[in-house]
Amino acid sequence: MSESDVLIEARGLVREFDVSPPWLDRVLQARGRRMLKALDDVSFSICRGETLGLVGESGCGKSTVARLLCGLLDPTRGSVLIGGIDLNRNGGAQQARLRRQMQMIFQDPYASLNPRWRVRDIVAEPMRVQGLVRGRSECDARVRALLTQVKLSSDDAAKYPHEFSGGQRQRISIARALSSNPEFLICDEPTSALDVSVQAQVLNLMADLQTQFGLTYLLISHNLAVVSHVATRVAVMYLGRIVEIADTRRIFGQPLHPYTQMLLSAVPDLGGTGKPRTPVAGEVPNPLDPPSGCAFHPRCPFAMERCRRERPILSDHSAGGAVACHAVHG
């Protein structure tokens, strides 16, 4: 992987949230501030034209990563680079140009579209805000073309969101995301609110658009079957850190981290009928009071004393990719 191939790079991302009680309560109770560390030294890169799947249990920090990448949140420490340029250290026109290269497809197509706007206004909004079209006729022509690309009728531009099914609404969301000609799309659970048959249609549409326009995706999902079908590489997160990252075939064929193994063993599989499975035991620790050493050690069947004392570093492995586990690296 050369530097010219990398489109998005996260370097040592840390994001903390102040969850302290009000000032007067802290004074009366003689308590200090409380900081929740949602992300703790997260680093990865995404090459042009690939799809990185980001998986993990609820609360592990996946959506926080998405918000940092698109600039909705600033990192406490670390940086986000787009084409080698730091997103948070460039203001004004430079930052606007960088942000124009990315868009988001949201989880709930029923909540992400303004019910008071017609489809033409919803799809055209990014173009208008960023000054990419001149005049109503050019804007309308672009909207009609985008609706056709996502397998909707150009006549749908005059309708309102309530006139469409969930799958059609998600297609409208995709058209809106494409309207500013982005290179990078952040897809936050884009199919979780849809029926299974509709999920396949939307995923196939996304794959076709990726091939057609050379798009790069970050796919956040709880559905490992979707990730295995779509992603080029997979990053597994646990309590604000990436514990394993590798190409999709290696992750699903030879998972190394015990947490990855537990996640995959929980996936329904007809071929595994009758075979013993290792359930994902226990609960995710409180991020306000994380365990010492490896955060996964209270739930890990292979935990040893070193795991309780020393936090493992995400390191390259001979099987491919990288993993953060003392038991794996020995």
Protein backbone atom coordinates (compact mmCIF):
# COMPACT_ATOMS: atom_id res chain seq x y z
CA MET A 1 0.00 0.00 0.00
CA SER A 2 1.62 3.26 -1.13
CA GLU A 3 0.80 6.68 0.30
CA SER A 4 -0.76 7.73 -3.00
CA ASP A 5 -3.28 4.88 -2.71
CA VAL A 6 -4.53 6.01 0.72
CA LEU A 7 -7.56 8.30 0.66
CA ILE A 8 -8.52 8.42 4.35
CA GLU A 9 -6.14 7.97 7.26
CA ALA A 10 -6.84 8.11 11.00
CA ARG A 11 -3.80 8.64 13.19
CA GLY A 12 -4.02 8.02 16.94
CA LEU A 13 -7.59 9.26 17.27
CA VAL A 14 -8.69 9.94 20.83
CA ARG A 15 -12.10 11.39 21.66
CA GLU A 16 -13.19 12.21 25.19
CA PHE A 17 -16.59 13.47 26.34
CA ASP A 18 -17.14 15.45 29.52
CA VAL A 19 -19.92 13.63 31.43
CA SER A 20 -19.37 15.48 34.70
CA PRO A 21 -22.30 16.50 36.91
CA PRO A 22 -23.15 20.23 37.01
CA TRP A 23 -20.58 22.49 38.65
CA LEU A 24 -22.59 23.07 41.84
CA ASP A 25 -23.11 19.33 42.36
CA ARG A 26 -19.38 18.74 41.97
CA VAL A 27 -18.61 21.42 44.56
CA LEU A 28 -21.14 20.11 47.08
CA GLN A 29 -20.05 16.51 46.63
CA ALA A 30 -16.31 17.34 46.39
CA ARG A 31 -15.98 15.51 43.09
CA GLY A 32 -13.84 16.26 40.08
CA ARG A 33 -14.71 16.09 36.41
CA ARG A 34 -15.56 12.76 34.77
CA MET A 35 -14.32 12.10 31.25
CA LEU A 36 -15.58 9.28 29.05
CA LYS A 37 -12.98 8.10 26.54
CA ALA A 38 -15.06 6.97 23.55
CA LEU A 39 -12.00 6.41 21.34
CA ASP A 40 -8.53 5.48 22.54
CA ASP A 41 -5.66 5.63 20.03
CA VAL A 42 -7.53 4.48 16.91
CA SER A 43 -5.44 4.31 13.73
CA PHE A 44 -6.28 2.90 10.29
CA SER A 45 -6.23 3.82 6.63
CA ILE A 46 -8.64 3.30 3.74
CA CYS A 47 -7.35 3.02 0.19
CA ARG A 48 -9.10 4.51 -2.80
CA GLY A 49 -11.84 2.28 -4.16
CA GLU A 50 -11.97 -0.13 -1.21
CA THR A 51 -14.59 -0.80 1.47
CA LEU A 52 -13.52 -0.99 5.10
CA GLY A 53 -16.05 -2.71 7.35
CA LEU A 54 -16.14 -1.49 10.96
CA VAL A 55 -17.78 -3.94 13.37
CA GLY A 56 -18.23 -4.39 17.10
CA GLU A 57 -20.85 -4.36 19.84
CA SER A 58 -23.00 -1.30 20.55
CA GLY A 59 -21.07 1.37 22.42
CA CYS A 60 -17.64 0.39 21.12
CA GLY A 61 -17.11 3.72 19.30
CA LYS A 62 -18.04 2.96 15.67
CA SER A 63 -20.33 5.96 15.20
CA THR A 64 -17.87 8.24 16.98
CA VAL A 65 -15.26 7.24 14.38
CA ALA A 66 -17.73 8.16 11.63
CA ARG A 67 -18.41 11.58 13.16
CA LEU A 68 -14.70 12.33 13.50
CA LEU A 69 -13.98 11.31 9.90
CA CYS A 70 -16.65 13.59 8.46
CA GLY A 71 -15.81 16.53 10.73
CA LEU A 72 -18.98 16.53 12.86
CA LEU A 73 -16.72 16.12 15.90
CA ASP A 74 -13.15 17.26 16.51
CA PRO A 75 -10.70 14.75 17.98
CA THR A 76 -9.38 15.34 21.49
CA ARG A 77 -6.04 14.12 20.14
CA GLY A 78 -4.90 12.64 16.86
CA SER A 79 -5.74 13.60 13.30
CA VAL A 80 -7.82 12.71 10.25
CA LEU A 81 -6.06 13.00 6.89
CA ILE A 82 -7.86 13.18 3.56
CA GLY A 83 -5.50 12.67 0.67
CA GLY A 84 -2.62 13.41 3.06
CA ILE A 85 -4.11 16.73 4.27
CA ASP A 86 -5.16 17.15 7.91
CA LEU A 87 -8.90 17.88 8.06
CA ASN A 88 -8.79 19.67 11.42
CA ARG A 89 -5.74 21.85 10.81
CA ASN A 90 -7.02 23.52 7.67
CA GLY A 91 -9.81 26.03 7.88
CA GLY A 92 -11.86 28.07 5.46
CA ALA A 93 -11.91 27.09 1.80
CA GLN A 94 -9.42 24.24 2.26
CA GLN A 95 -11.56 22.56 4.93
CA ALA A 96 -14.71 23.05 2.85
CA ARG A 97 -12.99 21.41 -0.12
CA LEU A 98 -11.92 18.46 2.01
CA ARG A 99 -15.37 17.97 3.49
CA ARG A 100 -16.90 18.11 0.02
CA GLN A 101 -15.08 14.86 -0.76
CA MET A 102 -17.18 12.91 1.78
CA GLN A 103 -20.83 12.28 2.53
CA MET A 104 -22.86 10.04 4.86
CA ILE A 105 -25.63 7.51 4.33
CA PHE A 106 -27.57 7.29 7.58
CA GLN A 107 -29.10 4.30 9.31
CA ASP A 108 -32.79 5.24 9.38
CA PRO A 109 -34.24 6.30 6.01
CA TYR A 110 -37.46 7.34 7.79
CA ALA A 111 -35.69 9.89 9.99
CA SER A 112 -32.89 11.14 7.73
CA LEU A 113 -35.13 12.77 5.11
CA ASN A 114 -37.00 16.04 5.75
CA PRO A 115 -40.72 15.15 5.48
CA ARG A 116 -41.60 18.73 4.48
CA TRP A 117 -39.31 18.81 1.47
CA ARG A 118 -39.84 17.35 -1.95
CA VAL A 119 -37.30 14.83 -3.18
CA ARG A 120 -35.81 17.36 -5.61
CA ASP A 121 -34.95 19.70 -2.73
CA ILE A 122 -33.57 16.88 -0.56
CA VAL A 123 -31.24 15.59 -3.28
CA ALA A 124 -30.22 19.07 -4.39
CA GLU A 125 -29.35 20.43 -0.95
CA PRO A 126 -25.62 19.43 -0.94
CA MET A 127 -25.19 20.87 -4.44
CA ARG A 128 -26.78 24.16 -3.47
CA VAL A 129 -24.92 24.52 -0.16
CA GLN A 130 -21.58 23.87 -1.86
CA GLY A 131 -22.33 25.97 -4.93
CA LEU A 132 -21.90 23.15 -7.43
CA VAL A 133 -24.80 24.10 -9.75
CA ARG A 134 -25.95 27.29 -11.38
CA GLY A 135 -29.62 27.92 -11.87
CA ARG A 136 -32.75 25.86 -11.33
CA SER A 137 -32.64 24.08 -14.69
CA GLU A 138 -29.12 22.72 -14.16
CA CYS A 139 -30.02 21.65 -10.63
CA ASP A 140 -33.20 19.85 -11.73
CA ALA A 141 -31.35 18.05 -14.53
CA ARG A 142 -28.71 16.85 -12.07
CA VAL A 143 -31.39 15.64 -9.62
CA ARG A 144 -33.19 13.68 -12.36
CA ALA A 145 -29.91 12.05 -13.41
CA LEU A 146 -29.10 11.07 -9.82
CA LEU A 147 -32.53 9.52 -9.27
CA THR A 148 -32.10 7.47 -12.42
CA GLN A 149 -28.67 6.28 -11.25
CA VAL A 150 -30.17 4.91 -8.01
CA LYS A 151 -32.91 3.08 -9.95
CA LEU A 152 -35.75 5.53 -9.25
CA SER A 153 -37.88 7.44 -11.73
CA SER A 154 -36.97 11.02 -12.57
CA ASP A 155 -40.65 11.87 -11.93
CA ASP A 156 -40.12 10.99 -8.27
CA ALA A 157 -38.43 14.37 -7.81
CA ALA A 158 -41.82 16.02 -7.27
CA LYS A 159 -42.91 13.62 -4.50
CA TYR A 160 -42.51 13.71 -0.73
CA PRO A 161 -40.63 11.09 1.39
CA HIS A 162 -43.82 9.61 2.86
CA GLU A 163 -44.81 8.40 -0.62
CA PHE A 164 -41.90 5.92 -0.72
CA SER A 165 -41.04 2.61 0.91
CA GLY A 166 -38.02 2.20 3.19
CA GLY A 167 -35.81 0.86 0.42
CA GLN A 168 -36.80 3.70 -1.91
CA ARG A 169 -36.08 6.26 0.80
CA GLN A 170 -32.62 4.82 1.26
CA ARG A 171 -32.07 5.16 -2.49
CA ILE A 172 -33.01 8.83 -2.15
CA SER A 173 -30.45 9.12 0.66
CA ILE A 174 -27.82 7.59 -1.62
CA ALA A 175 -28.73 10.02 -4.40
CA ARG A 176 -28.37 12.91 -1.95
CA ALA A 177 -24.96 11.61 -0.85
CA LEU A 178 -23.78 11.39 -4.47
CA SER A 179 -25.01 14.87 -5.45
CA SER A 180 -21.80 16.63 -4.37
CA ASN A 181 -19.58 14.18 -6.31
CA PRO A 182 -17.81 12.76 -3.21
CA GLU A 183 -14.95 10.29 -3.24
CA PHE A 184 -15.70 8.83 0.20
CA LEU A 185 -19.01 7.65 1.67
CA ILE A 186 -19.53 6.82 5.34
CA CYS A 187 -22.31 4.24 5.52
CA ASP A 188 -23.62 3.99 9.09
CA GLU A 189 -25.78 0.83 9.23
CA PRO A 190 -27.32 1.67 5.82
CA THR A 191 -29.46 -1.48 5.61
CA SER A 192 -30.33 -2.34 9.22
CA ALA A 193 -33.79 -0.74 9.03
CA LEU A 194 -34.73 -2.54 5.80
CA ASP A 195 -36.23 -5.92 4.96
CA VAL A 196 -33.75 -8.63 4.02
CA SER A 197 -34.73 -8.69 0.32
CA VAL A 198 -34.47 -4.89 0.14
CA GLN A 199 -31.10 -4.99 1.91
CA ALA A 200 -29.69 -7.06 -0.94
CA GLN A 201 -30.97 -4.58 -3.52
CA VAL A 202 -29.44 -1.60 -1.71
CA LEU A 203 -26.10 -3.38 -1.20
CA ASN A 204 -25.95 -4.37 -4.87
CA LEU A 205 -26.74 -0.77 -5.83
CA MET A 206 -23.92 0.49 -3.61
CA ALA A 207 -21.52 -2.03 -5.17
CA ASP A 208 -22.51 -0.94 -8.69
CA LEU A 209 -22.06 2.74 -7.81
CA GLN A 210 -18.67 2.02 -6.27
CA THR A 211 -17.52 0.37 -9.50
CA GLN A 212 -19.02 3.12 -11.66
CA PHE A 213 -17.66 6.11 -9.76
CA GLY A 214 -14.62 4.64 -7.98
CA LEU A 215 -16.09 5.36 -4.56
CA THR A 216 -14.48 4.50 -1.23
CA TYR A 217 -16.68 3.25 1.61
CA LEU A 218 -16.52 3.00 5.38
CA LEU A 219 -19.27 0.48 6.21
CA ILE A 220 -20.39 0.43 9.85
CA SER A 221 -22.55 -2.59 10.59
CA HIS A 222 -23.62 -5.13 13.20
CA ASN A 223 -24.54 -7.57 10.44
CA LEU A 224 -21.42 -9.65 9.80
CA ALA A 225 -23.07 -11.35 6.82
CA VAL A 226 -23.39 -7.94 5.14
CA VAL A 227 -19.79 -7.08 5.99
CA SER A 228 -18.47 -10.37 4.59
CA HIS A 229 -20.37 -9.75 1.33
CA VAL A 230 -19.37 -6.11 0.80
CA ALA A 231 -16.15 -5.24 2.65
CA THR A 232 -12.61 -5.48 1.31
CA ARG A 233 -11.09 -5.30 4.80
CA VAL A 234 -12.60 -5.48 8.28
CA ALA A 235 -11.67 -3.64 11.48
CA VAL A 236 -13.01 -5.03 14.76
CA MET A 237 -13.54 -2.53 17.60
CA TYR A 238 -13.88 -3.15 21.32
CA LEU A 239 -14.36 -0.43 23.93
CA GLY A 240 -12.93 2.38 21.83
CA ARG A 241 -9.95 0.51 20.33
CA ILE A 242 -9.33 -1.56 17.21
CA VAL A 243 -8.40 -5.07 18.33
CA GLU A 244 -8.01 -6.65 14.89
CA ILE A 245 -7.87 -5.49 11.28
CA ALA A 246 -7.24 -7.58 8.17
CA ASP A 247 -8.68 -8.42 4.77
CA THR A 248 -12.17 -9.90 4.83
CA ARG A 249 -11.15 -13.41 3.78
CA ARG A 250 -8.61 -13.69 6.60
CA ILE A 251 -10.94 -12.27 9.26
CA PHE A 252 -13.77 -14.66 8.42
CA GLY A 253 -11.56 -17.63 7.63
CA GLN A 254 -8.94 -17.29 10.37
CA PRO A 255 -10.00 -14.87 13.12
CA LEU A 256 -7.13 -14.38 15.58
CA HIS A 257 -8.40 -12.18 18.39
CA PRO A 258 -10.64 -14.02 20.92
CA TYR A 259 -13.26 -11.26 20.61
CA THR A 260 -13.36 -11.65 16.82
CA GLN A 261 -13.72 -15.40 17.24
CA MET A 262 -16.64 -14.93 19.63
CA LEU A 263 -18.40 -12.49 17.28
CA LEU A 264 -18.11 -14.89 14.36
CA SER A 265 -19.19 -17.90 16.40
CA ALA A 266 -22.45 -16.09 17.16
CA VAL A 267 -23.34 -15.77 13.46
CA PRO A 268 -26.08 -18.29 12.42
CA ASP A 269 -24.59 -20.92 10.11
CA LEU A 270 -26.40 -24.00 8.80
CA GLY A 271 -23.06 -25.67 8.14
CA GLY A 272 -22.21 -25.36 11.83
CA THR A 273 -25.29 -27.19 13.09
CA GLY A 274 -24.36 -29.42 16.02
CA LYS A 275 -20.93 -27.90 16.47
CA PRO A 276 -20.08 -26.36 19.85
CA ARG A 277 -20.15 -22.57 19.87
CA THR A 278 -18.45 -20.13 22.19
CA PRO A 279 -21.00 -17.45 23.11
CA VAL A 280 -19.94 -13.84 23.66
CA ALA A 281 -19.94 -13.98 27.45
CA GLY A 282 -20.40 -11.12 29.87
CA GLU A 283 -21.14 -7.46 29.26
CA VAL A 284 -19.14 -4.63 27.73
CA PRO A 285 -17.31 -2.90 30.65
CA ASN A 286 -18.31 0.57 31.75
CA PRO A 287 -16.23 2.98 29.60
CA LEU A 288 -16.10 5.36 32.58
CA ASP A 289 -14.22 2.69 34.51
CA PRO A 290 -12.47 0.46 31.94
CA PRO A 291 -10.50 -2.62 33.05
CA SER A 292 -6.75 -2.39 33.45
CA GLY A 293 -4.49 -3.90 30.81
CA CYS A 294 -6.44 -5.48 27.97
CA ALA A 295 -10.03 -4.22 28.09
CA PHE A 296 -11.31 -7.61 26.92
CA HIS A 297 -9.62 -9.69 29.61
CA PRO A 298 -12.67 -9.96 31.96
CA ARG A 299 -14.54 -11.77 29.15
CA CYS A 300 -11.65 -13.59 27.49
CA PRO A 301 -11.26 -17.38 27.92
CA PHE A 302 -7.51 -17.09 27.29
CA ALA A 303 -6.76 -14.23 29.69
CA MET A 304 -3.53 -14.46 31.69
CA GLU A 305 -1.84 -12.27 34.27
CA ARG A 306 -0.06 -10.22 31.60
CA CYS A 307 -3.45 -9.32 30.07
CA ARG A 308 -4.54 -7.79 33.39
CA ARG A 309 -1.38 -5.69 33.72
CA GLU A 310 -0.34 -4.67 30.21
CA ARG A 311 -2.42 -3.30 27.36
CA PRO A 312 -1.64 -5.08 24.06
CA ILE A 313 -0.52 -3.06 21.05
CA LEU A 314 -2.10 -3.52 17.62
CA SER A 315 0.77 -5.26 15.79
CA ASP A 316 1.26 -6.92 12.42
CA HIS A 317 0.77 -10.68 12.29
CA SER A 318 2.32 -13.23 9.94
CA ALA A 319 -1.15 -14.44 8.90
CA GLY A 320 -1.91 -10.96 7.54
CA GLY A 321 -3.34 -7.80 9.04
CA ALA A 322 -2.81 -6.74 12.64
CA VAL A 323 -4.10 -7.89 16.01
CA ALA A 324 -3.87 -6.62 19.59
CA CYS A 325 -3.63 -9.71 21.79
CA HIS A 326 -0.89 -11.08 24.05
CA ALA A 327 -2.09 -14.66 23.57
CA VAL A 328 -1.87 -14.39 19.77
CA HIS A 329 1.58 -12.79 19.64
CA GLY A 330 2.90 -14.89 22.51
